[in-house]
């Protein structure tokens, strides 16, 4: 976690640099491309400011690395990200994106293999029989309530992991800590973008 005032100051400085780079690159862009460039600039500025202002600089937030890597996956973002991060910074982000993609593919293959083993074995049938026996017993209501609560918690954790960049690889307290840090940074991002919009809005009359 980082100091809010220090992060806000670093974020504003980095955001101005990023938006200036986006402005230089957006001369030949359409409206939608300019919108995407502003979003990319803001996300990268937020991630860089977070990494620079954390109390433990060597341990940058997982969401910050994942957010930059997510943008680096798109080849159309390369020119702008090089302007914002520099060549070496972009290369590191691109390498992290490639590593994350390979880990995700390996995880998907493991899930497929595991599901095939479960389907081919008779464990599924035995589990169904044991659940039916438990339902017939006196403690069926309590067991079903606990199972429903566990399913609900797992479902909400899946949603949370899908919302936080890099959340798929996080578990337990790490996921909650990263979520809190990400939400605080997002709040600051929204506030700064609103201030910039108000400052650039022309005064009528």
N, C-alpha and C. Protein backbone atom coordinates (compact mmCIF):
# COMPACT_ATOMS: atom_id res chain seq x y z
N UNK A 1 0.85 -1.19 0.00
CA UNK A 1 0.00 0.00 0.00
C UNK A 1 0.89 1.24 0.00
N UNK A 2 0.39 2.36 -0.53
CA UNK A 2 1.16 3.58 -0.63
C UNK A 2 0.46 4.73 0.08
N UNK A 3 1.21 5.82 0.29
CA UNK A 3 0.63 7.00 0.91
C UNK A 3 -0.28 7.71 -0.10
N UNK A 4 -1.54 7.99 0.26
CA UNK A 4 -2.49 8.56 -0.71
C UNK A 4 -2.02 9.88 -1.31
N UNK A 5 -1.50 10.81 -0.49
CA UNK A 5 -1.08 12.11 -1.03
C UNK A 5 0.10 11.97 -1.98
N UNK A 6 1.04 11.14 -1.59
CA UNK A 6 2.21 10.91 -2.44
C UNK A 6 1.80 10.25 -3.75
N UNK A 7 0.88 9.31 -3.67
CA UNK A 7 0.41 8.65 -4.88
C UNK A 7 -0.34 9.63 -5.78
N UNK A 8 -1.19 10.46 -5.20
CA UNK A 8 -1.96 11.41 -5.99
C UNK A 8 -1.04 12.37 -6.75
N UNK A 9 -0.01 12.85 -6.06
CA UNK A 9 0.94 13.76 -6.69
C UNK A 9 1.70 13.07 -7.82
N UNK A 10 2.18 11.85 -7.56
CA UNK A 10 2.91 11.11 -8.60
C UNK A 10 1.99 10.75 -9.76
N UNK A 11 0.75 10.41 -9.46
CA UNK A 11 -0.21 10.05 -10.50
C UNK A 11 -0.49 11.26 -11.40
N UNK A 12 -0.70 12.43 -10.82
CA UNK A 12 -0.98 13.62 -11.61
C UNK A 12 0.20 13.95 -12.54
N UNK A 13 1.42 13.87 -11.99
CA UNK A 13 2.59 14.16 -12.82
C UNK A 13 2.71 13.17 -13.97
N UNK A 14 2.53 11.88 -13.67
CA UNK A 14 2.64 10.87 -14.71
C UNK A 14 1.49 10.95 -15.70
N UNK A 15 0.30 11.31 -15.21
CA UNK A 15 -0.86 11.42 -16.09
C UNK A 15 -0.67 12.54 -17.11
N UNK A 16 -0.12 13.66 -16.69
CA UNK A 16 0.12 14.76 -17.62
C UNK A 16 1.13 14.36 -18.70
N UNK A 17 2.16 13.63 -18.28
CA UNK A 17 3.15 13.13 -19.25
C UNK A 17 2.49 12.17 -20.24
N UNK A 18 1.69 11.27 -19.71
CA UNK A 18 1.04 10.27 -20.57
C UNK A 18 0.04 10.91 -21.53
N UNK A 19 -0.75 11.87 -21.04
CA UNK A 19 -1.73 12.53 -21.90
C UNK A 19 -1.05 13.39 -22.96
N UNK A 20 0.09 13.97 -22.61
CA UNK A 20 0.85 14.74 -23.61
C UNK A 20 1.33 13.81 -24.73
N UNK A 21 1.82 12.62 -24.35
CA UNK A 21 2.25 11.65 -25.35
C UNK A 21 1.08 11.18 -26.19
N UNK A 22 -0.08 10.98 -25.55
CA UNK A 22 -1.27 10.57 -26.29
C UNK A 22 -1.72 11.66 -27.25
N UNK A 23 -1.61 12.92 -26.83
CA UNK A 23 -1.99 14.03 -27.70
C UNK A 23 -1.11 14.13 -28.92
N UNK A 24 0.17 13.87 -28.75
CA UNK A 24 1.08 13.91 -29.89
C UNK A 24 0.81 12.77 -30.87
N UNK A 25 0.35 11.64 -30.33
CA UNK A 25 0.11 10.47 -31.18
C UNK A 25 -1.28 10.45 -31.77
N UNK A 26 -2.18 11.33 -31.30
CA UNK A 26 -3.58 11.23 -31.70
C UNK A 26 -3.97 12.13 -32.86
N UNK A 27 -3.00 12.77 -33.50
CA UNK A 27 -3.32 13.71 -34.58
C UNK A 27 -4.01 13.01 -35.75
N UNK A 28 -3.64 11.78 -36.00
CA UNK A 28 -4.24 11.05 -37.13
C UNK A 28 -5.29 10.03 -36.67
N UNK A 29 -5.76 10.15 -35.43
CA UNK A 29 -6.71 9.18 -34.88
C UNK A 29 -8.14 9.67 -35.03
N UNK A 30 -9.05 8.71 -35.06
CA UNK A 30 -10.47 9.02 -35.00
C UNK A 30 -10.91 9.22 -33.56
N UNK A 31 -12.20 9.51 -33.37
CA UNK A 31 -12.72 9.79 -32.03
C UNK A 31 -12.58 8.58 -31.10
N UNK A 32 -12.93 7.39 -31.60
CA UNK A 32 -12.85 6.19 -30.77
C UNK A 32 -11.41 5.87 -30.41
N UNK A 33 -10.50 6.03 -31.37
CA UNK A 33 -9.09 5.75 -31.10
C UNK A 33 -8.53 6.73 -30.07
N UNK A 34 -8.97 7.99 -30.12
CA UNK A 34 -8.52 8.96 -29.13
C UNK A 34 -9.04 8.60 -27.74
N UNK A 35 -10.28 8.15 -27.68
CA UNK A 35 -10.83 7.73 -26.39
C UNK A 35 -10.02 6.57 -25.81
N UNK A 36 -9.69 5.59 -26.65
CA UNK A 36 -8.90 4.45 -26.18
C UNK A 36 -7.50 4.88 -25.75
N UNK A 37 -6.93 5.88 -26.47
CA UNK A 37 -5.60 6.36 -26.13
C UNK A 37 -5.61 7.06 -24.77
N UNK A 38 -6.67 7.82 -24.47
CA UNK A 38 -6.78 8.48 -23.17
C UNK A 38 -6.92 7.45 -22.07
N UNK A 39 -7.72 6.43 -22.32
CA UNK A 39 -7.89 5.38 -21.31
C UNK A 39 -6.57 4.64 -21.05
N UNK A 40 -5.86 4.30 -22.12
CA UNK A 40 -4.57 3.63 -21.97
C UNK A 40 -3.60 4.52 -21.20
N UNK A 41 -3.55 5.80 -21.56
CA UNK A 41 -2.63 6.73 -20.89
C UNK A 41 -2.93 6.82 -19.40
N UNK A 42 -4.21 6.88 -19.06
CA UNK A 42 -4.60 6.98 -17.66
C UNK A 42 -4.27 5.71 -16.89
N UNK A 43 -4.54 4.55 -17.50
CA UNK A 43 -4.25 3.28 -16.82
C UNK A 43 -2.75 3.09 -16.59
N UNK A 44 -1.96 3.39 -17.62
CA UNK A 44 -0.51 3.22 -17.50
C UNK A 44 0.04 4.20 -16.47
N UNK A 45 -0.46 5.45 -16.48
CA UNK A 45 0.00 6.43 -15.50
C UNK A 45 -0.34 5.98 -14.08
N UNK A 46 -1.53 5.42 -13.89
CA UNK A 46 -1.93 4.94 -12.57
C UNK A 46 -1.03 3.80 -12.11
N UNK A 47 -0.74 2.87 -13.00
CA UNK A 47 0.10 1.73 -12.64
C UNK A 47 1.53 2.17 -12.32
N UNK A 48 2.08 3.07 -13.13
CA UNK A 48 3.44 3.54 -12.89
C UNK A 48 3.54 4.33 -11.59
N UNK A 49 2.54 5.19 -11.33
CA UNK A 49 2.54 5.96 -10.09
C UNK A 49 2.42 5.04 -8.88
N UNK A 50 1.61 4.00 -8.99
CA UNK A 50 1.46 3.06 -7.88
C UNK A 50 2.77 2.34 -7.59
N UNK A 51 3.46 1.92 -8.66
CA UNK A 51 4.72 1.20 -8.47
C UNK A 51 5.79 2.09 -7.85
N UNK A 52 5.75 3.39 -8.14
CA UNK A 52 6.79 4.31 -7.66
C UNK A 52 6.54 4.80 -6.24
N UNK A 53 5.34 4.69 -5.75
CA UNK A 53 5.02 5.29 -4.45
C UNK A 53 4.67 4.26 -3.38
N UNK A 54 4.86 3.00 -3.66
CA UNK A 54 4.57 1.98 -2.65
C UNK A 54 5.64 2.01 -1.58
N UNK A 55 5.25 1.58 -0.37
CA UNK A 55 6.18 1.57 0.75
C UNK A 55 7.32 0.58 0.52
N UNK A 56 7.03 -0.49 -0.24
CA UNK A 56 8.07 -1.45 -0.61
C UNK A 56 8.20 -1.43 -2.13
N UNK A 57 9.06 -0.57 -2.68
CA UNK A 57 9.11 -0.37 -4.13
C UNK A 57 9.39 -1.62 -4.93
N UNK A 58 10.15 -2.55 -4.37
CA UNK A 58 10.49 -3.76 -5.13
C UNK A 58 9.28 -4.67 -5.34
N UNK A 59 8.30 -4.55 -4.44
CA UNK A 59 7.12 -5.41 -4.56
C UNK A 59 5.96 -4.58 -5.13
N UNK A 60 6.00 -4.30 -6.41
CA UNK A 60 4.92 -3.53 -7.04
C UNK A 60 3.64 -4.35 -7.02
N UNK A 61 2.52 -3.65 -7.06
CA UNK A 61 1.22 -4.30 -6.97
C UNK A 61 1.00 -5.22 -8.16
N UNK A 62 0.42 -6.37 -7.88
CA UNK A 62 0.14 -7.33 -8.96
C UNK A 62 -0.84 -6.75 -9.97
N UNK A 63 -1.82 -5.98 -9.47
CA UNK A 63 -2.80 -5.41 -10.40
C UNK A 63 -2.14 -4.40 -11.34
N UNK A 64 -1.13 -3.65 -10.85
CA UNK A 64 -0.45 -2.66 -11.69
C UNK A 64 0.32 -3.35 -12.82
N UNK A 65 1.03 -4.43 -12.48
CA UNK A 65 1.76 -5.17 -13.51
C UNK A 65 0.79 -5.78 -14.52
N UNK A 66 -0.30 -6.34 -14.01
CA UNK A 66 -1.27 -6.98 -14.90
C UNK A 66 -1.99 -5.96 -15.78
N UNK A 67 -2.26 -4.78 -15.27
CA UNK A 67 -2.95 -3.75 -16.04
C UNK A 67 -2.08 -3.27 -17.21
N UNK A 68 -0.81 -3.05 -16.95
CA UNK A 68 0.11 -2.64 -18.02
C UNK A 68 0.28 -3.77 -19.03
N UNK A 69 0.40 -5.00 -18.52
CA UNK A 69 0.56 -6.14 -19.42
C UNK A 69 -0.67 -6.34 -20.29
N UNK A 70 -1.86 -6.06 -19.74
CA UNK A 70 -3.10 -6.20 -20.51
C UNK A 70 -3.10 -5.26 -21.71
N UNK A 71 -2.63 -4.04 -21.53
CA UNK A 71 -2.55 -3.10 -22.65
C UNK A 71 -1.43 -3.48 -23.61
N UNK A 72 -0.33 -4.04 -23.07
CA UNK A 72 0.80 -4.40 -23.92
C UNK A 72 0.49 -5.57 -24.84
N UNK A 73 -0.53 -6.35 -24.50
CA UNK A 73 -0.92 -7.48 -25.36
C UNK A 73 -1.37 -6.98 -26.73
N UNK A 74 -2.03 -5.82 -26.76
CA UNK A 74 -2.52 -5.26 -28.02
C UNK A 74 -1.37 -4.59 -28.76
N UNK A 75 -1.05 -5.10 -29.94
CA UNK A 75 0.06 -4.55 -30.71
C UNK A 75 -0.20 -3.10 -31.13
N UNK A 76 -1.47 -2.73 -31.28
CA UNK A 76 -1.78 -1.36 -31.70
C UNK A 76 -1.42 -0.34 -30.62
N UNK A 77 -1.18 -0.81 -29.40
CA UNK A 77 -0.81 0.10 -28.31
C UNK A 77 0.69 0.31 -28.20
N UNK A 78 1.47 -0.40 -29.00
CA UNK A 78 2.92 -0.39 -28.82
C UNK A 78 3.52 1.01 -28.95
N UNK A 79 3.16 1.74 -30.01
CA UNK A 79 3.77 3.05 -30.24
C UNK A 79 3.51 4.01 -29.08
N UNK A 80 2.27 4.06 -28.62
CA UNK A 80 1.93 4.98 -27.52
C UNK A 80 2.58 4.55 -26.22
N UNK A 81 2.61 3.25 -25.94
CA UNK A 81 3.22 2.78 -24.70
C UNK A 81 4.72 3.02 -24.70
N UNK A 82 5.34 2.94 -25.86
CA UNK A 82 6.77 3.26 -25.94
C UNK A 82 7.02 4.74 -25.64
N UNK A 83 6.09 5.59 -26.10
CA UNK A 83 6.22 7.02 -25.81
C UNK A 83 6.10 7.29 -24.31
N UNK A 84 5.17 6.58 -23.66
CA UNK A 84 4.90 6.82 -22.24
C UNK A 84 5.96 6.17 -21.35
N UNK A 85 6.29 4.91 -21.63
CA UNK A 85 7.13 4.12 -20.73
C UNK A 85 8.59 4.06 -21.15
N UNK A 86 8.86 4.42 -22.40
CA UNK A 86 10.21 4.22 -22.92
C UNK A 86 10.35 2.82 -23.48
N UNK A 87 11.36 2.61 -24.28
CA UNK A 87 11.55 1.31 -24.93
C UNK A 87 11.74 0.17 -23.95
N UNK A 88 12.60 0.38 -22.94
CA UNK A 88 12.89 -0.69 -21.98
C UNK A 88 11.65 -1.03 -21.15
N UNK A 89 10.91 -0.02 -20.74
CA UNK A 89 9.69 -0.26 -19.96
C UNK A 89 8.66 -1.03 -20.75
N UNK A 90 8.52 -0.67 -22.02
CA UNK A 90 7.55 -1.39 -22.84
C UNK A 90 7.97 -2.83 -23.05
N UNK A 91 9.25 -3.07 -23.29
CA UNK A 91 9.73 -4.44 -23.50
C UNK A 91 9.45 -5.31 -22.28
N UNK A 92 9.65 -4.74 -21.10
CA UNK A 92 9.36 -5.50 -19.87
C UNK A 92 7.88 -5.81 -19.77
N UNK A 93 7.03 -4.83 -20.11
CA UNK A 93 5.59 -5.06 -20.06
C UNK A 93 5.15 -6.11 -21.07
N UNK A 94 5.72 -6.06 -22.28
CA UNK A 94 5.38 -7.04 -23.31
C UNK A 94 5.81 -8.45 -22.89
N UNK A 95 6.99 -8.55 -22.26
CA UNK A 95 7.45 -9.86 -21.78
C UNK A 95 6.54 -10.38 -20.68
N UNK A 96 6.09 -9.48 -19.78
CA UNK A 96 5.17 -9.90 -18.72
C UNK A 96 3.84 -10.35 -19.30
N UNK A 97 3.38 -9.66 -20.35
CA UNK A 97 2.12 -10.05 -21.01
C UNK A 97 2.24 -11.43 -21.64
N UNK A 98 3.37 -11.70 -22.30
CA UNK A 98 3.57 -13.01 -22.91
C UNK A 98 3.64 -14.11 -21.85
N UNK A 99 4.31 -13.83 -20.73
CA UNK A 99 4.40 -14.82 -19.65
C UNK A 99 3.03 -15.09 -19.04
N UNK A 100 2.24 -14.03 -18.84
CA UNK A 100 0.89 -14.21 -18.27
C UNK A 100 0.01 -15.01 -19.22
N UNK A 101 0.14 -14.77 -20.53
CA UNK A 101 -0.65 -15.51 -21.49
C UNK A 101 -0.28 -16.99 -21.49
N UNK A 102 1.01 -17.29 -21.39
CA UNK A 102 1.43 -18.70 -21.37
C UNK A 102 0.97 -19.39 -20.08
N UNK A 103 0.99 -18.66 -18.94
CA UNK A 103 0.50 -19.24 -17.68
C UNK A 103 -1.00 -19.52 -17.77
N UNK A 104 -1.73 -18.61 -18.39
CA UNK A 104 -3.17 -18.81 -18.52
C UNK A 104 -3.48 -20.00 -19.40
N UNK A 105 -2.73 -20.15 -20.49
CA UNK A 105 -2.94 -21.30 -21.38
C UNK A 105 -2.61 -22.61 -20.66
N UNK A 106 -1.52 -22.61 -19.89
CA UNK A 106 -1.15 -23.82 -19.14
C UNK A 106 -2.21 -24.15 -18.10
N UNK A 107 -2.75 -23.12 -17.43
CA UNK A 107 -3.80 -23.35 -16.44
C UNK A 107 -5.05 -23.91 -17.10
N UNK A 108 -5.39 -23.41 -18.28
CA UNK A 108 -6.56 -23.91 -19.00
C UNK A 108 -6.37 -25.37 -19.39
N UNK A 109 -5.16 -25.72 -19.82
CA UNK A 109 -4.91 -27.13 -20.17
C UNK A 109 -5.03 -28.04 -18.95
N UNK A 110 -4.54 -27.56 -17.79
CA UNK A 110 -4.65 -28.37 -16.57
C UNK A 110 -6.11 -28.58 -16.19
N UNK A 111 -6.92 -27.54 -16.34
CA UNK A 111 -8.34 -27.65 -16.00
C UNK A 111 -9.02 -28.65 -16.92
N UNK A 112 -8.69 -28.62 -18.20
CA UNK A 112 -9.29 -29.56 -19.15
C UNK A 112 -8.90 -30.99 -18.80
N UNK A 113 -7.61 -31.21 -18.50
CA UNK A 113 -7.16 -32.55 -18.15
C UNK A 113 -7.84 -33.05 -16.88
N UNK A 114 -7.95 -32.16 -15.90
CA UNK A 114 -8.58 -32.56 -14.64
C UNK A 114 -10.05 -32.91 -14.84
N UNK A 115 -10.76 -32.12 -15.65
CA UNK A 115 -12.17 -32.39 -15.88
C UNK A 115 -12.36 -33.70 -16.64
N UNK A 116 -11.43 -34.02 -17.53
CA UNK A 116 -11.53 -35.29 -18.25
C UNK A 116 -11.35 -36.47 -17.30
N UNK A 117 -10.39 -36.33 -16.36
CA UNK A 117 -10.17 -37.42 -15.41
C UNK A 117 -11.40 -37.63 -14.53
N UNK A 118 -11.99 -36.53 -14.09
CA UNK A 118 -13.17 -36.63 -13.22
C UNK A 118 -14.32 -37.28 -13.97
N UNK A 119 -14.51 -36.86 -15.23
CA UNK A 119 -15.63 -37.41 -16.01
C UNK A 119 -15.42 -38.89 -16.33
N UNK A 120 -14.19 -39.29 -16.54
CA UNK A 120 -13.93 -40.68 -16.92
C UNK A 120 -13.96 -41.63 -15.72
N UNK A 121 -13.76 -41.12 -14.54
CA UNK A 121 -13.75 -41.99 -13.36
C UNK A 121 -15.16 -42.14 -12.80
N UNK A 122 -15.27 -43.05 -11.89
CA UNK A 122 -16.58 -43.27 -11.26
C UNK A 122 -16.74 -42.47 -9.98
N UNK A 123 -15.74 -41.57 -9.72
CA UNK A 123 -15.82 -40.77 -8.49
C UNK A 123 -17.05 -39.89 -8.49
N UNK A 124 -17.39 -39.39 -9.66
CA UNK A 124 -18.57 -38.53 -9.75
C UNK A 124 -19.84 -39.26 -9.34
N UNK A 125 -19.97 -40.51 -9.77
CA UNK A 125 -21.15 -41.29 -9.41
C UNK A 125 -21.17 -41.59 -7.93
N UNK A 126 -20.00 -41.93 -7.35
CA UNK A 126 -19.95 -42.21 -5.92
C UNK A 126 -20.29 -40.97 -5.11
N UNK A 127 -19.83 -39.81 -5.58
CA UNK A 127 -20.13 -38.57 -4.89
C UNK A 127 -21.63 -38.28 -4.91
N UNK A 128 -22.26 -38.57 -6.04
CA UNK A 128 -23.70 -38.35 -6.16
C UNK A 128 -24.47 -39.23 -5.18
N UNK A 129 -24.03 -40.50 -5.08
CA UNK A 129 -24.68 -41.42 -4.16
C UNK A 129 -24.51 -40.98 -2.72
N UNK A 130 -23.28 -40.52 -2.37
CA UNK A 130 -23.05 -40.09 -0.99
C UNK A 130 -23.85 -38.84 -0.66
N UNK A 131 -23.99 -37.93 -1.61
CA UNK A 131 -24.80 -36.73 -1.38
C UNK A 131 -26.27 -37.09 -1.21
N UNK A 132 -26.73 -38.06 -1.97
CA UNK A 132 -28.12 -38.49 -1.82
C UNK A 132 -28.35 -39.10 -0.45
N UNK A 133 -27.37 -39.87 0.04
CA UNK A 133 -27.49 -40.46 1.37
C UNK A 133 -27.49 -39.39 2.45
N UNK A 134 -26.63 -38.37 2.27
CA UNK A 134 -26.59 -37.28 3.25
C UNK A 134 -27.90 -36.51 3.25
N UNK A 135 -28.49 -36.34 2.07
CA UNK A 135 -29.77 -35.62 1.99
C UNK A 135 -30.87 -36.37 2.71
N UNK A 136 -30.75 -37.66 2.72
CA UNK A 136 -31.77 -38.46 3.40
C UNK A 136 -31.61 -38.44 4.91
N UNK A 137 -30.44 -38.06 5.39
CA UNK A 137 -30.21 -38.07 6.84
C UNK A 137 -30.79 -36.81 7.47
N UNK A 138 -30.73 -36.79 8.82
CA UNK A 138 -31.32 -35.67 9.55
C UNK A 138 -30.57 -34.36 9.37
N UNK A 139 -29.25 -34.42 9.07
CA UNK A 139 -28.47 -33.18 8.95
C UNK A 139 -28.43 -32.65 7.54
N UNK A 140 -29.37 -33.02 6.69
CA UNK A 140 -29.34 -32.61 5.29
C UNK A 140 -29.51 -31.11 5.13
N UNK A 141 -30.38 -30.52 5.93
CA UNK A 141 -30.65 -29.08 5.79
C UNK A 141 -29.40 -28.27 6.11
N UNK A 142 -28.72 -28.64 7.21
CA UNK A 142 -27.52 -27.91 7.59
C UNK A 142 -26.42 -28.07 6.55
N UNK A 143 -26.23 -29.27 6.04
CA UNK A 143 -25.20 -29.51 5.02
C UNK A 143 -25.50 -28.73 3.75
N UNK A 144 -26.76 -28.72 3.35
CA UNK A 144 -27.11 -28.00 2.12
C UNK A 144 -26.93 -26.50 2.30
N UNK A 145 -27.22 -25.98 3.49
CA UNK A 145 -27.03 -24.55 3.74
C UNK A 145 -25.55 -24.18 3.69
N UNK A 146 -24.70 -25.02 4.28
CA UNK A 146 -23.27 -24.76 4.25
C UNK A 146 -22.73 -24.84 2.84
N UNK A 147 -23.21 -25.82 2.09
CA UNK A 147 -22.77 -25.97 0.70
C UNK A 147 -23.20 -24.77 -0.14
N UNK A 148 -24.42 -24.29 0.09
CA UNK A 148 -24.90 -23.12 -0.64
C UNK A 148 -24.07 -21.88 -0.30
N UNK A 149 -23.71 -21.73 0.98
CA UNK A 149 -22.89 -20.58 1.39
C UNK A 149 -21.52 -20.64 0.74
N UNK A 150 -20.93 -21.85 0.71
CA UNK A 150 -19.62 -21.99 0.06
C UNK A 150 -19.68 -21.67 -1.41
N UNK A 151 -20.76 -22.14 -2.07
CA UNK A 151 -20.91 -21.85 -3.50
C UNK A 151 -21.05 -20.36 -3.75
N UNK A 152 -21.79 -19.68 -2.88
CA UNK A 152 -21.99 -18.24 -3.04
C UNK A 152 -20.67 -17.49 -2.87
N UNK A 153 -19.88 -17.89 -1.86
CA UNK A 153 -18.58 -17.25 -1.63
C UNK A 153 -17.66 -17.47 -2.82
N UNK A 154 -17.62 -18.70 -3.33
CA UNK A 154 -16.78 -19.00 -4.48
C UNK A 154 -17.21 -18.20 -5.70
N UNK A 155 -18.52 -18.08 -5.90
CA UNK A 155 -19.02 -17.31 -7.05
C UNK A 155 -18.61 -15.85 -6.94
N UNK A 156 -18.71 -15.28 -5.74
CA UNK A 156 -18.35 -13.86 -5.57
C UNK A 156 -16.85 -13.66 -5.71
N UNK A 157 -16.06 -14.63 -5.25
CA UNK A 157 -14.61 -14.52 -5.43
C UNK A 157 -14.24 -14.60 -6.91
N UNK A 158 -14.96 -15.43 -7.67
CA UNK A 158 -14.70 -15.50 -9.11
C UNK A 158 -14.98 -14.16 -9.77
N UNK A 159 -16.08 -13.52 -9.37
CA UNK A 159 -16.41 -12.20 -9.93
C UNK A 159 -15.34 -11.19 -9.55
N UNK A 160 -14.89 -11.23 -8.30
CA UNK A 160 -13.86 -10.29 -7.84
C UNK A 160 -12.56 -10.48 -8.60
N UNK A 161 -12.18 -11.74 -8.82
CA UNK A 161 -10.95 -12.01 -9.58
C UNK A 161 -11.05 -11.52 -11.01
N UNK A 162 -12.26 -11.55 -11.58
CA UNK A 162 -12.42 -11.08 -12.95
C UNK A 162 -12.38 -9.55 -13.05
N UNK A 163 -12.65 -8.86 -11.95
CA UNK A 163 -12.67 -7.39 -11.96
C UNK A 163 -11.29 -6.78 -11.70
N UNK A 164 -10.47 -7.46 -10.90
CA UNK A 164 -9.16 -6.93 -10.55
C UNK A 164 -8.12 -7.45 -11.55
N UNK A 165 -7.36 -6.57 -12.20
CA UNK A 165 -6.32 -7.05 -13.12
C UNK A 165 -5.35 -7.99 -12.41
N UNK A 166 -5.12 -9.14 -13.02
CA UNK A 166 -4.24 -10.13 -12.40
C UNK A 166 -4.87 -10.90 -11.27
N UNK A 167 -6.17 -10.70 -11.04
CA UNK A 167 -6.83 -11.34 -9.91
C UNK A 167 -6.98 -12.84 -10.05
N UNK A 168 -6.89 -13.36 -11.29
CA UNK A 168 -7.05 -14.80 -11.50
C UNK A 168 -6.02 -15.62 -10.73
N UNK A 169 -4.84 -15.03 -10.52
CA UNK A 169 -3.76 -15.77 -9.85
C UNK A 169 -3.70 -15.50 -8.36
N UNK A 170 -4.64 -14.71 -7.82
CA UNK A 170 -4.59 -14.33 -6.41
C UNK A 170 -5.56 -15.16 -5.59
N UNK A 171 -5.22 -15.37 -4.32
CA UNK A 171 -6.06 -16.13 -3.42
C UNK A 171 -6.11 -15.45 -2.05
N UNK A 172 -7.20 -15.64 -1.35
CA UNK A 172 -7.32 -15.24 0.04
C UNK A 172 -7.04 -13.77 0.30
N UNK A 173 -6.18 -13.51 1.31
CA UNK A 173 -5.88 -12.15 1.73
C UNK A 173 -5.17 -11.35 0.65
N UNK A 174 -4.38 -12.02 -0.18
CA UNK A 174 -3.71 -11.32 -1.27
C UNK A 174 -4.72 -10.69 -2.22
N UNK A 175 -5.78 -11.44 -2.53
CA UNK A 175 -6.82 -10.91 -3.41
C UNK A 175 -7.51 -9.71 -2.78
N UNK A 176 -7.84 -9.79 -1.49
CA UNK A 176 -8.51 -8.68 -0.82
C UNK A 176 -7.60 -7.45 -0.72
N UNK A 177 -6.31 -7.66 -0.44
CA UNK A 177 -5.37 -6.55 -0.36
C UNK A 177 -5.20 -5.85 -1.70
N UNK A 178 -5.06 -6.65 -2.75
CA UNK A 178 -4.91 -6.07 -4.09
C UNK A 178 -6.19 -5.34 -4.51
N UNK A 179 -7.34 -5.89 -4.15
CA UNK A 179 -8.61 -5.25 -4.49
C UNK A 179 -8.73 -3.89 -3.82
N UNK A 180 -8.38 -3.84 -2.54
CA UNK A 180 -8.45 -2.57 -1.81
C UNK A 180 -7.52 -1.53 -2.44
N UNK A 181 -6.30 -1.94 -2.73
CA UNK A 181 -5.32 -1.03 -3.34
C UNK A 181 -5.81 -0.54 -4.71
N UNK A 182 -6.36 -1.45 -5.50
CA UNK A 182 -6.85 -1.11 -6.84
C UNK A 182 -8.02 -0.14 -6.77
N UNK A 183 -8.94 -0.38 -5.85
CA UNK A 183 -10.12 0.50 -5.72
C UNK A 183 -9.70 1.90 -5.30
N UNK A 184 -8.75 2.01 -4.36
CA UNK A 184 -8.27 3.32 -3.93
C UNK A 184 -7.64 4.07 -5.10
N UNK A 185 -6.85 3.37 -5.90
CA UNK A 185 -6.21 4.00 -7.06
C UNK A 185 -7.24 4.38 -8.12
N UNK A 186 -8.24 3.55 -8.33
CA UNK A 186 -9.29 3.88 -9.29
C UNK A 186 -10.05 5.13 -8.85
N UNK A 187 -10.33 5.24 -7.57
CA UNK A 187 -11.02 6.43 -7.05
C UNK A 187 -10.20 7.69 -7.34
N UNK A 188 -8.90 7.61 -7.11
CA UNK A 188 -8.03 8.75 -7.40
C UNK A 188 -8.00 9.04 -8.89
N UNK A 189 -8.00 8.00 -9.71
CA UNK A 189 -8.01 8.18 -11.16
C UNK A 189 -9.25 8.94 -11.60
N UNK A 190 -10.40 8.54 -11.10
CA UNK A 190 -11.65 9.20 -11.47
C UNK A 190 -11.64 10.66 -11.04
N UNK A 191 -11.18 10.93 -9.82
CA UNK A 191 -11.15 12.31 -9.32
C UNK A 191 -10.24 13.19 -10.16
N UNK A 192 -9.06 12.66 -10.53
CA UNK A 192 -8.13 13.46 -11.33
C UNK A 192 -8.65 13.71 -12.74
N UNK A 193 -9.27 12.69 -13.33
CA UNK A 193 -9.83 12.87 -14.67
C UNK A 193 -10.97 13.89 -14.65
N UNK A 194 -11.78 13.87 -13.59
CA UNK A 194 -12.85 14.86 -13.47
C UNK A 194 -12.29 16.27 -13.33
N UNK A 195 -11.21 16.41 -12.56
CA UNK A 195 -10.59 17.73 -12.41
C UNK A 195 -10.04 18.23 -13.74
N UNK A 196 -9.42 17.32 -14.51
CA UNK A 196 -8.89 17.71 -15.81
C UNK A 196 -10.01 18.12 -16.77
N UNK A 197 -11.11 17.37 -16.72
CA UNK A 197 -12.24 17.70 -17.59
C UNK A 197 -12.84 19.06 -17.25
N UNK A 198 -12.97 19.34 -15.94
CA UNK A 198 -13.51 20.63 -15.54
C UNK A 198 -12.57 21.77 -15.91
N UNK A 199 -11.26 21.52 -15.80
CA UNK A 199 -10.29 22.56 -16.12
C UNK A 199 -10.21 22.87 -17.60
N UNK A 200 -10.46 21.84 -18.44
CA UNK A 200 -10.36 22.04 -19.89
C UNK A 200 -11.68 22.44 -20.52
N UNK A 201 -12.79 22.46 -19.75
CA UNK A 201 -14.08 22.81 -20.29
C UNK A 201 -14.15 24.31 -20.54
N UNK A 202 -14.52 24.72 -21.75
CA UNK A 202 -14.56 26.16 -22.05
C UNK A 202 -15.69 26.85 -21.28
N UNK A 203 -15.42 28.05 -20.83
CA UNK A 203 -16.43 28.83 -20.10
C UNK A 203 -17.31 29.57 -21.09
N UNK A 204 -18.61 29.41 -20.96
CA UNK A 204 -19.57 30.06 -21.85
C UNK A 204 -20.06 31.37 -21.23
N UNK A 205 -20.32 32.35 -22.09
CA UNK A 205 -20.81 33.62 -21.60
C UNK A 205 -19.64 34.38 -21.02
